PDB file of N, CA and C in Angstrom:
ATOM      1  N   UNK A   1     100.745 109.936 111.851  1.00  0.00           N
ATOM      2  CA  UNK A   1     101.079 108.988 112.888  1.00  0.00           C
ATOM      3  C   UNK A   1     100.164 107.768 112.813  1.00  0.00           C
ATOM      4  N   UNK A   2      98.867 108.001 112.652  1.00  0.00           N
ATOM      5  CA  UNK A   2      97.931 106.878 112.546  1.00  0.00           C
ATOM      6  C   UNK A   2      98.235 106.065 111.306  1.00  0.00           C
ATOM      7  N   UNK A   3      98.555 106.756 110.186  1.00  0.00           N
ATOM      8  CA  UNK A   3      98.865 106.053 108.934  1.00  0.00           C
ATOM      9  C   UNK A   3     100.054 105.122 109.124  1.00  0.00           C
ATOM     10  N   UNK A   4     101.103 105.599 109.832  1.00  0.00           N
ATOM     11  CA  UNK A   4     102.264 104.761 110.067  1.00  0.00           C
ATOM     12  C   UNK A   4     101.892 103.542 110.904  1.00  0.00           C
ATOM     13  N   UNK A   5     101.027 103.723 111.896  1.00  0.00           N
ATOM     14  CA  UNK A   5     100.607 102.603 112.735  1.00  0.00           C
ATOM     15  C   UNK A   5      99.855 101.564 111.944  1.00  0.00           C
ATOM     16  N   UNK A   6      98.964 102.020 111.076  1.00  0.00           N
ATOM     17  CA  UNK A   6      98.202 101.096 110.244  1.00  0.00           C
ATOM     18  C   UNK A   6      99.129 100.394 109.268  1.00  0.00           C
ATOM     19  N   UNK A   7     100.083 101.137 108.702  1.00  0.00           N
ATOM     20  CA  UNK A   7     101.046 100.537 107.787  1.00  0.00           C
ATOM     21  C   UNK A   7     101.860  99.461 108.490  1.00  0.00           C
ATOM     22  N   UNK A   8     102.283  99.747 109.715  1.00  0.00           N
ATOM     23  CA  UNK A   8     103.049  98.763 110.468  1.00  0.00           C
ATOM     24  C   UNK A   8     102.205  97.536 110.774  1.00  0.00           C
ATOM     25  N   UNK A   9     100.928  97.743 111.096  1.00  0.00           N
ATOM     26  CA  UNK A   9     100.040  96.609 111.345  1.00  0.00           C
ATOM     27  C   UNK A   9      99.866  95.782 110.084  1.00  0.00           C
ATOM     28  N   UNK A  10      99.726  96.439 108.932  1.00  0.00           N
ATOM     29  CA  UNK A  10      99.593  95.716 107.672  1.00  0.00           C
ATOM     30  C   UNK A  10     100.835  94.882 107.407  1.00  0.00           C
ATOM     31  N   UNK A  11     101.995  95.481 107.622  1.00  0.00           N
ATOM     32  CA  UNK A  11     103.243  94.764 107.401  1.00  0.00           C
ATOM     33  C   UNK A  11     103.383  93.608 108.386  1.00  0.00           C
ATOM     34  N   UNK A  12     102.992  93.828 109.626  1.00  0.00           N
ATOM     35  CA  UNK A  12     103.064  92.749 110.619  1.00  0.00           C
ATOM     36  C   UNK A  12     102.117  91.621 110.261  1.00  0.00           C
ATOM     37  N   UNK A  13     100.926  91.955 109.781  1.00  0.00           N
ATOM     38  CA  UNK A  13      99.967  90.919 109.376  1.00  0.00           C
ATOM     39  C   UNK A  13     100.530  90.099 108.234  1.00  0.00           C
ATOM     40  N   UNK A  14     101.180  90.772 107.280  1.00  0.00           N
ATOM     41  CA  UNK A  14     101.786  90.050 106.164  1.00  0.00           C
ATOM     42  C   UNK A  14     102.870  89.111 106.675  1.00  0.00           C
ATOM     43  N   UNK A  15     103.693  89.598 107.588  1.00  0.00           N
ATOM     44  CA  UNK A  15     104.768  88.788 108.132  1.00  0.00           C
ATOM     45  C   UNK A  15     104.227  87.535 108.805  1.00  0.00           C
ATOM     46  N   UNK A  16     103.223  87.695 109.635  1.00  0.00           N
ATOM     47  CA  UNK A  16     102.640  86.547 110.328  1.00  0.00           C
ATOM     48  C   UNK A  16     101.969  85.582 109.356  1.00  0.00           C
ATOM     49  N   UNK A  17     101.289  86.124 108.361  1.00  0.00           N
ATOM     50  CA  UNK A  17     100.578  85.277 107.408  1.00  0.00           C
ATOM     51  C   UNK A  17     101.545  84.465 106.561  1.00  0.00           C
ATOM     52  N   UNK A  18     102.680  85.066 106.190  1.00  0.00           N
ATOM     53  CA  UNK A  18     103.625  84.367 105.331  1.00  0.00           C
ATOM     54  C   UNK A  18     104.553  83.435 106.108  1.00  0.00           C
ATOM     55  N   UNK A  19     104.583  83.571 107.417  1.00  0.00           N
ATOM     56  CA  UNK A  19     105.484  82.763 108.227  1.00  0.00           C
ATOM     57  C   UNK A  19     105.172  81.279 108.150  1.00  0.00           C
ATOM     58  N   UNK A  20     103.901  80.919 107.952  1.00  0.00           N
ATOM     59  CA  UNK A  20     103.545  79.505 107.905  1.00  0.00           C
ATOM     60  C   UNK A  20     104.146  78.821 106.691  1.00  0.00           C
ATOM     61  N   UNK A  21     104.212  79.492 105.548  1.00  0.00           N
ATOM     62  CA  UNK A  21     104.851  78.957 104.363  1.00  0.00           C
ATOM     63  C   UNK A  21     104.086  77.890 103.617  1.00  0.00           C
ATOM     64  N   UNK A  22     103.219  77.117 104.266  1.00  0.00           N
ATOM     65  CA  UNK A  22     102.545  76.016 103.609  1.00  0.00           C
ATOM     66  C   UNK A  22     101.323  76.453 102.800  1.00  0.00           C
ATOM     67  N   UNK A  23     100.515  77.279 103.365  1.00  0.00           N
ATOM     68  CA  UNK A  23      99.262  77.674 102.716  1.00  0.00           C
ATOM     69  C   UNK A  23      99.302  79.162 102.389  1.00  0.00           C
ATOM     70  N   UNK A  24      98.467  79.583 101.435  1.00  0.00           N
ATOM     71  CA  UNK A  24      98.403  81.013 101.154  1.00  0.00           C
ATOM     72  C   UNK A  24      97.973  81.766 102.407  1.00  0.00           C
ATOM     73  N   UNK A  25      98.470  82.975 102.562  1.00  0.00           N
ATOM     74  CA  UNK A  25      98.127  83.723 103.772  1.00  0.00           C
ATOM     75  C   UNK A  25      96.635  84.028 103.826  1.00  0.00           C
ATOM     76  N   UNK A  26      95.971  83.691 104.940  1.00  0.00           N
ATOM     77  CA  UNK A  26      94.537  83.901 105.027  1.00  0.00           C
ATOM     78  C   UNK A  26      94.155  85.365 105.139  1.00  0.00           C
ATOM     79  N   UNK A  27      95.009  86.195 105.739  1.00  0.00           N
ATOM     80  CA  UNK A  27      94.680  87.603 105.915  1.00  0.00           C
ATOM     81  C   UNK A  27      95.777  88.518 105.386  1.00  0.00           C
ATOM     82  N   UNK A  28      96.684  87.981 104.594  1.00  0.00           N
ATOM     83  CA  UNK A  28      97.724  88.805 104.004  1.00  0.00           C
ATOM     84  C   UNK A  28      97.166  89.577 102.824  1.00  0.00           C
ATOM     85  N   UNK A  29      97.977  90.407 102.230  1.00  0.00           N
ATOM     86  CA  UNK A  29      97.505  91.179 101.083  1.00  0.00           C
ATOM     87  C   UNK A  29      97.064  90.268  99.938  1.00  0.00           C
ATOM     88  N   UNK A  30      95.974  90.615  99.278  1.00  0.00           N
ATOM     89  CA  UNK A  30      95.538  89.830  98.125  1.00  0.00           C
ATOM     90  C   UNK A  30      96.425  90.124  96.917  1.00  0.00           C
ATOM     91  N   UNK A  31      96.358  89.310  95.882  1.00  0.00           N
ATOM     92  CA  UNK A  31      97.190  89.528  94.691  1.00  0.00           C
ATOM     93  C   UNK A  31      97.058  90.936  94.116  1.00  0.00           C
ATOM     94  N   UNK A  32      95.878  91.518  94.178  1.00  0.00           N
ATOM     95  CA  UNK A  32      95.670  92.865  93.634  1.00  0.00           C
ATOM     96  C   UNK A  32      96.554  93.900  94.328  1.00  0.00           C
ATOM     97  N   UNK A  33      96.815  93.683  95.629  1.00  0.00           N
ATOM     98  CA  UNK A  33      97.656  94.616  96.378  1.00  0.00           C
ATOM     99  C   UNK A  33      99.094  94.580  95.874  1.00  0.00           C
ATOM    100  N   UNK A  34      99.579  93.386  95.518  1.00  0.00           N
ATOM    101  CA  UNK A  34     100.919  93.266  94.954  1.00  0.00           C
ATOM    102  C   UNK A  34     100.942  93.821  93.533  1.00  0.00           C
ATOM    103  N   UNK A  35      99.926  93.515  92.746  1.00  0.00           N
ATOM    104  CA  UNK A  35      99.853  93.990  91.360  1.00  0.00           C
ATOM    105  C   UNK A  35      99.869  95.510  91.291  1.00  0.00           C
ATOM    106  N   UNK A  36      99.185  96.171  92.224  1.00  0.00           N
ATOM    107  CA  UNK A  36      99.087  97.635  92.217  1.00  0.00           C
ATOM    108  C   UNK A  36     100.448  98.300  92.401  1.00  0.00           C
ATOM    109  N   UNK A  37     101.386  97.606  93.036  1.00  0.00           N
ATOM    110  CA  UNK A  37     102.707  98.187  93.305  1.00  0.00           C
ATOM    111  C   UNK A  37     103.805  97.639  92.401  1.00  0.00           C
ATOM    112  N   UNK A  38     103.452  96.750  91.491  1.00  0.00           N
ATOM    113  CA  UNK A  38     104.448  96.200  90.569  1.00  0.00           C
ATOM    114  C   UNK A  38     105.067  97.340  89.753  1.00  0.00           C
ATOM    115  N   UNK A  39     106.383  97.415  89.754  1.00  0.00           N
ATOM    116  CA  UNK A  39     107.091  98.439  89.000  1.00  0.00           C
ATOM    117  C   UNK A  39     107.117  99.806  89.677  1.00  0.00           C
ATOM    118  N   UNK A  40     106.602  99.901  90.875  1.00  0.00           N
ATOM    119  CA  UNK A  40     106.587 101.169  91.614  1.00  0.00           C
ATOM    120  C   UNK A  40     107.629 101.115  92.736  1.00  0.00           C
ATOM    121  N   UNK A  41     107.839 102.259  93.365  1.00  0.00           N
ATOM    122  CA  UNK A  41     108.779 102.332  94.470  1.00  0.00           C
ATOM    123  C   UNK A  41     108.026 102.434  95.788  1.00  0.00           C
ATOM    124  N   UNK A  42     108.706 102.095  96.873  1.00  0.00           N
ATOM    125  CA  UNK A  42     108.093 102.194  98.196  1.00  0.00           C
ATOM    126  C   UNK A  42     107.666 103.645  98.435  1.00  0.00           C
ATOM    127  N   UNK A  43     106.470 103.823  98.938  1.00  0.00           N
ATOM    128  CA  UNK A  43     105.930 105.157  99.190  1.00  0.00           C
ATOM    129  C   UNK A  43     105.060 105.680  98.068  1.00  0.00           C
ATOM    130  N   UNK A  44     105.062 104.988  96.914  1.00  0.00           N
ATOM    131  CA  UNK A  44     104.178 105.394  95.811  1.00  0.00           C
ATOM    132  C   UNK A  44     102.727 105.257  96.269  1.00  0.00           C
ATOM    133  N   UNK A  45     101.835 105.983  95.634  1.00  0.00           N
ATOM    134  CA  UNK A  45     100.427 106.003  96.047  1.00  0.00           C
ATOM    135  C   UNK A  45      99.505 105.539  94.923  1.00  0.00           C
ATOM    136  N   UNK A  46      99.445 104.222  94.679  1.00  0.00           N
ATOM    137  CA  UNK A  46      98.551 103.718  93.638  1.00  0.00           C
ATOM    138  C   UNK A  46      97.125 103.554  94.151  1.00  0.00           C
ATOM    139  N   UNK A  47      96.232 103.307  93.219  1.00  0.00           N
ATOM    140  CA  UNK A  47      94.873 102.878  93.559  1.00  0.00           C
ATOM    141  C   UNK A  47      94.817 101.390  93.296  1.00  0.00           C
ATOM    142  N   UNK A  48      94.015 100.699  94.065  1.00  0.00           N
ATOM    143  CA  UNK A  48      93.864  99.258  93.878  1.00  0.00           C
ATOM    144  C   UNK A  48      92.377  98.930  93.952  1.00  0.00           C
ATOM    145  N   UNK A  49      91.935  98.036  93.078  1.00  0.00           N
ATOM    146  CA  UNK A  49      90.530  97.646  93.060  1.00  0.00           C
ATOM    147  C   UNK A  49      90.391  96.240  93.609  1.00  0.00           C
ATOM    148  N   UNK A  50      89.560  96.109  94.632  1.00  0.00           N
ATOM    149  CA  UNK A  50      89.220  94.820  95.226  1.00  0.00           C
ATOM    150  C   UNK A  50      87.742  94.608  94.959  1.00  0.00           C
ATOM    151  N   UNK A  51      87.446  93.624  94.172  1.00  0.00           N
ATOM    152  CA  UNK A  51      86.060  93.341  93.799  1.00  0.00           C
ATOM    153  C   UNK A  51      85.445  94.606  93.187  1.00  0.00           C
ATOM    154  N   UNK A  52      84.513  95.248  93.840  1.00  0.00           N
ATOM    155  CA  UNK A  52      83.873  96.433  93.259  1.00  0.00           C
ATOM    156  C   UNK A  52      84.279  97.724  93.957  1.00  0.00           C
ATOM    157  N   UNK A  53      85.318  97.696  94.784  1.00  0.00           N
ATOM    158  CA  UNK A  53      85.759  98.893  95.509  1.00  0.00           C
ATOM    159  C   UNK A  53      87.167  99.276  95.086  1.00  0.00           C
ATOM    160  N   UNK A  54      87.368 100.565  94.826  1.00  0.00           N
ATOM    161  CA  UNK A  54      88.689 101.088  94.512  1.00  0.00           C
ATOM    162  C   UNK A  54      89.179 101.900  95.703  1.00  0.00           C
ATOM    163  N   UNK A  55      90.392 101.581  96.145  1.00  0.00           N
ATOM    164  CA  UNK A  55      90.992 102.239  97.303  1.00  0.00           C
ATOM    165  C   UNK A  55      92.321 102.860  96.909  1.00  0.00           C
ATOM    166  N   UNK A  56      92.625 104.019  97.483  1.00  0.00           N
ATOM    167  CA  UNK A  56      93.948 104.609  97.338  1.00  0.00           C
ATOM    168  C   UNK A  56      94.804 104.053  98.463  1.00  0.00           C
ATOM    169  N   UNK A  57      96.063 103.817  98.179  1.00  0.00           N
ATOM    170  CA  UNK A  57      96.932 103.263  99.202  1.00  0.00           C
ATOM    171  C   UNK A  57      98.360 103.702  99.017  1.00  0.00           C
ATOM    172  N   UNK A  58      99.243 103.062  99.749  1.00  0.00           N
ATOM    173  CA  UNK A  58     100.669 103.348  99.725  1.00  0.00           C
ATOM    174  C   UNK A  58     101.423 102.038  99.545  1.00  0.00           C
ATOM    175  N   UNK A  59     102.413 102.051  98.663  1.00  0.00           N
ATOM    176  CA  UNK A  59     103.235 100.855  98.459  1.00  0.00           C
ATOM    177  C   UNK A  59     104.204 100.704  99.630  1.00  0.00           C
ATOM    178  N   UNK A  60     104.152  99.544 100.247  1.00  0.00           N
ATOM    179  CA  UNK A  60     105.003  99.235 101.400  1.00  0.00           C
ATOM    180  C   UNK A  60     105.840  97.995 101.123  1.00  0.00           C
ATOM    181  N   UNK A  61     106.993  97.931 101.756  1.00  0.00           N
ATOM    182  CA  UNK A  61     107.822  96.724 101.724  1.00  0.00           C
ATOM    183  C   UNK A  61     107.399  95.831 102.872  1.00  0.00           C
ATOM    184  N   UNK A  62     107.371  94.531 102.640  1.00  0.00           N
ATOM    185  CA  UNK A  62     107.084  93.629 103.757  1.00  0.00           C
ATOM    186  C   UNK A  62     108.286  93.578 104.697  1.00  0.00           C
ATOM    187  N   UNK A  63     108.080  93.116 105.912  1.00  0.00           N
ATOM    188  CA  UNK A  63     109.220  92.945 106.825  1.00  0.00           C
ATOM    189  C   UNK A  63     110.254  92.006 106.223  1.00  0.00           C
ATOM    190  N   UNK A  64     111.500  92.224 106.562  1.00  0.00           N
ATOM    191  CA  UNK A  64     112.591  91.434 105.971  1.00  0.00           C
ATOM    192  C   UNK A  64     112.457  89.942 106.240  1.00  0.00           C
ATOM    193  N   UNK A  65     111.807  89.555 107.336  1.00  0.00           N
ATOM    194  CA  UNK A  65     111.674  88.139 107.668  1.00  0.00           C
ATOM    195  C   UNK A  65     110.357  87.537 107.174  1.00  0.00           C
ATOM    196  N   UNK A  66     109.631  88.252 106.315  1.00  0.00           N
ATOM    197  CA  UNK A  66     108.319  87.785 105.863  1.00  0.00           C
ATOM    198  C   UNK A  66     108.401  86.706 104.791  1.00  0.00           C
ATOM    199  N   UNK A  67     109.552  86.549 104.168  1.00  0.00           N
ATOM    200  CA  UNK A  67     109.644  85.576 103.087  1.00  0.00           C
ATOM    201  C   UNK A  67     109.063  86.115 101.791  1.00  0.00           C
ATOM    202  N   UNK A  68     108.740  87.381 101.753  1.00  0.00           N
ATOM    203  CA  UNK A  68     108.163  88.052 100.577  1.00  0.00           C
ATOM    204  C   UNK A  68     108.974  89.308 100.343  1.00  0.00           C
ATOM    205  N   UNK A  69     109.271  89.610  99.080  1.00  0.00           N
ATOM    206  CA  UNK A  69     110.061  90.801  98.782  1.00  0.00           C
ATOM    207  C   UNK A  69     109.288  91.847  97.993  1.00  0.00           C
ATOM    208  N   UNK A  70     108.136  91.464  97.460  1.00  0.00           N
ATOM    209  CA  UNK A  70     107.382  92.410  96.620  1.00  0.00           C
ATOM    210  C   UNK A  70     106.704  93.484  97.470  1.00  0.00           C
ATOM    211  N   UNK A  71     106.646  94.689  96.898  1.00  0.00           N
ATOM    212  CA  UNK A  71     105.874  95.755  97.531  1.00  0.00           C
ATOM    213  C   UNK A  71     104.398  95.407  97.434  1.00  0.00           C
ATOM    214  N   UNK A  72     103.622  95.900  98.384  1.00  0.00           N
ATOM    215  CA  UNK A  72     102.178  95.699  98.332  1.00  0.00           C
ATOM    216  C   UNK A  72     101.486  97.001  98.677  1.00  0.00           C
ATOM    217  N   UNK A  73     100.280  97.178  98.158  1.00  0.00           N
ATOM    218  CA  UNK A  73      99.511  98.391  98.391  1.00  0.00           C
ATOM    219  C   UNK A  73      98.684  98.231  99.660  1.00  0.00           C
ATOM    220  N   UNK A  74      98.933  99.114 100.617  1.00  0.00           N
ATOM    221  CA  UNK A  74      98.197  99.090 101.882  1.00  0.00           C
ATOM    222  C   UNK A  74      97.295 100.318 101.933  1.00  0.00           C
ATOM    223  N   UNK A  75      95.994 100.135 102.174  1.00  0.00           N
ATOM    224  CA  UNK A  75      95.099 101.290 102.284  1.00  0.00           C
ATOM    225  C   UNK A  75      95.377 102.028 103.586  1.00  0.00           C
ATOM    226  N   UNK A  76      95.051 103.328 103.640  1.00  0.00           N
ATOM    227  CA  UNK A  76      95.292 104.077 104.864  1.00  0.00           C
ATOM    228  C   UNK A  76      94.383 103.628 106.014  1.00  0.00           C
ATOM    229  N   UNK A  77      93.264 103.031 105.681  1.00  0.00           N
ATOM    230  CA  UNK A  77      92.322 102.513 106.679  1.00  0.00           C
ATOM    231  C   UNK A  77      91.943 101.109 106.247  1.00  0.00           C
ATOM    232  N   UNK A  78      91.738 100.194 107.162  1.00  0.00           N
ATOM    233  CA  UNK A  78      91.314  98.847 106.770  1.00  0.00           C
ATOM    234  C   UNK A  78      90.031  98.917 105.938  1.00  0.00           C
ATOM    235  N   UNK A  79      89.937  98.124 104.873  1.00  0.00           N
ATOM    236  CA  UNK A  79      88.728  98.152 104.054  1.00  0.00           C
ATOM    237  C   UNK A  79      87.519  97.635 104.817  1.00  0.00           C
ATOM    238  N   UNK A  80      86.372  98.168 104.459  1.00  0.00           N
ATOM    239  CA  UNK A  80      85.096  97.719 105.043  1.00  0.00           C
ATOM    240  C   UNK A  80      84.698  96.426 104.343  1.00  0.00           C
ATOM    241  N   UNK A  81      84.533  95.360 105.077  1.00  0.00           N
ATOM    242  CA  UNK A  81      84.222  94.060 104.482  1.00  0.00           C
ATOM    243  C   UNK A  81      82.728  93.788 104.424  1.00  0.00           C
ATOM    244  N   UNK A  82      81.900  94.785 104.618  1.00  0.00           N
ATOM    245  CA  UNK A  82      80.446  94.563 104.585  1.00  0.00           C
ATOM    246  C   UNK A  82      79.911  94.632 103.187  1.00  0.00           C
TER     247      UNK A  82
END
C-alpha cells in the first residue's frame, strides 16, 4: 500500500514537472530513471544508479496527461539527498 502511494506521488510529480513544457522538469525523474526502464515493461524491477548510489525500483508509466510516454524507474522510497 505504501509502495503504491509513493509510486502515485512519483507519477504526480512527473506530471506536474512536465506540465510547464518550457524548461526541463526540476524535480521530475532524471535521465537515468528513464534509461533504466528502456526496453522494459511496466512493473519491471530494474536497478538505477544516480551518481554513486544504486537503487532498486519499479518501472512506472507517467500519467496520460504528462506529455511523456516513456517508462521511468521509481524507487520504493525517496532517495536520500544528503
